[in-house]
PDB file of N, CA and C in Angstrom:
ATOM      1  N   MET A   1     105.625 104.809  87.173  1.00  0.00           N
ATOM      2  CA  MET A   1     105.065 106.081  87.523  1.00  0.00           C
ATOM      3  C   MET A   1     106.142 107.155  87.655  1.00  0.00           C
ATOM      4  N   ILE A   2     107.221 106.823  88.344  1.00  0.00           N
ATOM      5  CA  ILE A   2     108.317 107.774  88.522  1.00  0.00           C
ATOM      6  C   ILE A   2     109.562 107.150  87.892  1.00  0.00           C
ATOM      7  N   PRO A   3     110.092 107.770  86.843  1.00  0.00           N
ATOM      8  CA  PRO A   3     111.268 107.191  86.179  1.00  0.00           C
ATOM      9  C   PRO A   3     112.424 106.966  87.155  1.00  0.00           C
ATOM     10  N   HIS A   4     113.055 105.823  87.039  1.00  0.00           N
ATOM     11  CA  HIS A   4     114.228 105.441  87.835  1.00  0.00           C
ATOM     12  C   HIS A   4     113.933 105.302  89.326  1.00  0.00           C
ATOM     13  N   ALA A   5     112.670 105.184  89.687  1.00  0.00           N
ATOM     14  CA  ALA A   5     112.308 105.001  91.096  1.00  0.00           C
ATOM     15  C   ALA A   5     112.611 103.570  91.518  1.00  0.00           C
ATOM     16  N   THR A   6     112.852 103.377  92.795  1.00  0.00           N
ATOM     17  CA  THR A   6     113.038 102.041  93.346  1.00  0.00           C
ATOM     18  C   THR A   6     112.090 101.865  94.518  1.00  0.00           C
ATOM     19  N   ALA A   7     111.708 100.631  94.742  1.00  0.00           N
ATOM     20  CA  ALA A   7     110.843 100.309  95.873  1.00  0.00           C
ATOM     21  C   ALA A   7     111.553  99.293  96.747  1.00  0.00           C
ATOM     22  N   VAL A   8     111.359  99.402  98.037  1.00  0.00           N
ATOM     23  CA  VAL A   8     111.959  98.477  98.990  1.00  0.00           C
ATOM     24  C   VAL A   8     110.847  97.923  99.856  1.00  0.00           C
ATOM     25  N   ASN A   9     110.763  96.601  99.949  1.00  0.00           N
ATOM     26  CA  ASN A   9     109.767  95.955 100.791  1.00  0.00           C
ATOM     27  C   ASN A   9     110.380  95.722 102.170  1.00  0.00           C
ATOM     28  N   VAL A  10     109.835  96.372 103.167  1.00  0.00           N
ATOM     29  CA  VAL A  10     110.277  96.186 104.549  1.00  0.00           C
ATOM     30  C   VAL A  10     109.129  95.491 105.267  1.00  0.00           C
ATOM     31  N   SER A  11     109.119  94.173 105.180  1.00  0.00           N
ATOM     32  CA  SER A  11     107.973  93.395 105.651  1.00  0.00           C
ATOM     33  C   SER A  11     107.743  93.504 107.152  1.00  0.00           C
ATOM     34  N   ALA A  12     108.777  93.791 107.925  1.00  0.00           N
ATOM     35  CA  ALA A  12     108.617  93.872 109.383  1.00  0.00           C
ATOM     36  C   ALA A  12     108.078  95.225 109.842  1.00  0.00           C
ATOM     37  N   ALA A  13     107.969  96.166 108.919  1.00  0.00           N
ATOM     38  CA  ALA A  13     107.513  97.512 109.290  1.00  0.00           C
ATOM     39  C   ALA A  13     105.994  97.590 109.249  1.00  0.00           C
ATOM     40  N   GLY A  14     105.479  98.427 110.101  1.00  0.00           N
ATOM     41  CA  GLY A  14     104.046  98.655 110.120  1.00  0.00           C
ATOM     42  C   GLY A  14     103.726 100.014 109.544  1.00  0.00           C
ATOM     43  N   HIS A  15     103.454 100.960 110.409  1.00  0.00           N
ATOM     44  CA  HIS A  15     103.020 102.293 109.981  1.00  0.00           C
ATOM     45  C   HIS A  15     104.171 103.181 109.515  1.00  0.00           C
ATOM     46  N   MET A  16     105.309 103.112 110.203  1.00  0.00           N
ATOM     47  CA  MET A  16     106.407 104.033 109.913  1.00  0.00           C
ATOM     48  C   MET A  16     107.720 103.258 109.808  1.00  0.00           C
ATOM     49  N   VAL A  17     108.246 103.134 108.603  1.00  0.00           N
ATOM     50  CA  VAL A  17     109.435 102.309 108.372  1.00  0.00           C
ATOM     51  C   VAL A  17     110.612 102.763 109.224  1.00  0.00           C
ATOM     52  N   ALA A  18     110.868 104.061 109.270  1.00  0.00           N
ATOM     53  CA  ALA A  18     112.030 104.560 110.022  1.00  0.00           C
ATOM     54  C   ALA A  18     111.925 104.230 111.505  1.00  0.00           C
ATOM     55  N   GLY A  19     110.750 104.184 112.048  1.00  0.00           N
ATOM     56  CA  GLY A  19     110.583 103.879 113.466  1.00  0.00           C
ATOM     57  C   GLY A  19     110.446 102.397 113.743  1.00  0.00           C
ATOM     58  N   ASP A  20     109.846 101.670 112.802  1.00  0.00           N
ATOM     59  CA  ASP A  20     109.593 100.245 113.017  1.00  0.00           C
ATOM     60  C   ASP A  20     110.814  99.381 112.752  1.00  0.00           C
ATOM     61  N   ASP A  21     111.633  99.745 111.787  1.00  0.00           N
ATOM     62  CA  ASP A  21     112.853  98.981 111.477  1.00  0.00           C
ATOM     63  C   ASP A  21     113.937  99.958 111.027  1.00  0.00           C
ATOM     64  N   ASN A  22     114.460 100.696 111.985  1.00  0.00           N
ATOM     65  CA  ASN A  22     115.411 101.762 111.688  1.00  0.00           C
ATOM     66  C   ASN A  22     116.670 101.248 110.997  1.00  0.00           C
ATOM     67  N   ALA A  23     117.122 100.056 111.329  1.00  0.00           N
ATOM     68  CA  ALA A  23     118.345  99.524 110.715  1.00  0.00           C
ATOM     69  C   ALA A  23     118.160  99.342 109.210  1.00  0.00           C
ATOM     70  N   VAL A  24     117.039  98.785 108.807  1.00  0.00           N
ATOM     71  CA  VAL A  24     116.775  98.583 107.375  1.00  0.00           C
ATOM     72  C   VAL A  24     116.592  99.927 106.682  1.00  0.00           C
ATOM     73  N   PHE A  25     115.852 100.830 107.315  1.00  0.00           N
ATOM     74  CA  PHE A  25     115.640 102.158 106.744  1.00  0.00           C
ATOM     75  C   PHE A  25     116.973 102.860 106.498  1.00  0.00           C
ATOM     76  N   THR A  26     117.842 102.860 107.497  1.00  0.00           N
ATOM     77  CA  THR A  26     119.135 103.533 107.393  1.00  0.00           C
ATOM     78  C   THR A  26     119.994 102.900 106.309  1.00  0.00           C
ATOM     79  N   MET A  27     120.001 101.573 106.242  1.00  0.00           N
ATOM     80  CA  MET A  27     120.789 100.872 105.236  1.00  0.00           C
ATOM     81  C   MET A  27     120.295 101.207 103.826  1.00  0.00           C
ATOM     82  N   GLU A  28     118.983 101.190 103.617  1.00  0.00           N
ATOM     83  CA  GLU A  28     118.432 101.445 102.291  1.00  0.00           C
ATOM     84  C   GLU A  28     118.615 102.897 101.863  1.00  0.00           C
ATOM     85  N   VAL A  29     118.404 103.843 102.759  1.00  0.00           N
ATOM     86  CA  VAL A  29     118.604 105.255 102.417  1.00  0.00           C
ATOM     87  C   VAL A  29     120.081 105.510 102.140  1.00  0.00           C
ATOM     88  N   GLY A  30     120.963 104.934 102.951  1.00  0.00           N
ATOM     89  CA  GLY A  30     122.398 105.084 102.721  1.00  0.00           C
ATOM     90  C   GLY A  30     122.819 104.524 101.377  1.00  0.00           C
ATOM     91  N   GLY A  31     122.295 103.362 101.030  1.00  0.00           N
ATOM     92  CA  GLY A  31     122.602 102.766  99.729  1.00  0.00           C
ATOM     93  C   GLY A  31     122.103 103.614  98.575  1.00  0.00           C
ATOM     94  N   PHE A  32     120.910 104.177  98.741  1.00  0.00           N
ATOM     95  CA  PHE A  32     120.363 105.069  97.717  1.00  0.00           C
ATOM     96  C   PHE A  32     121.248 106.299  97.534  1.00  0.00           C
ATOM     97  N   LEU A  33     121.636 106.910  98.638  1.00  0.00           N
ATOM     98  CA  LEU A  33     122.475 108.106  98.563  1.00  0.00           C
ATOM     99  C   LEU A  33     123.853 107.793  97.991  1.00  0.00           C
ATOM    100  N   ASP A  34     124.408 106.629  98.341  1.00  0.00           N
ATOM    101  CA  ASP A  34     125.696 106.225  97.775  1.00  0.00           C
ATOM    102  C   ASP A  34     125.595 106.079  96.257  1.00  0.00           C
ATOM    103  N   GLY A  35     124.442 105.613  95.786  1.00  0.00           N
ATOM    104  CA  GLY A  35     124.233 105.451  94.351  1.00  0.00           C
ATOM    105  C   GLY A  35     124.162 106.769  93.598  1.00  0.00           C
ATOM    106  N   LEU A  36     123.866 107.842  94.293  1.00  0.00           N
ATOM    107  CA  LEU A  36     123.809 109.159  93.655  1.00  0.00           C
ATOM    108  C   LEU A  36     125.186 109.782  93.504  1.00  0.00           C
ATOM    109  N   ALA A  37     126.125 109.314  94.304  1.00  0.00           N
ATOM    110  CA  ALA A  37     127.472 109.912  94.301  1.00  0.00           C
ATOM    111  C   ALA A  37     128.283 109.459  93.103  1.00  0.00           C
TER     112      ALA A  37
END
């Protein structure tokens, strides 16, 4: 659907990934941003 998009499965998260598993959210967003550099 979106070219070059990635999906991350955060199985321990419920409604809000950033609030439910902040460590995983931060790690994945950081990795994504590092990949843009």
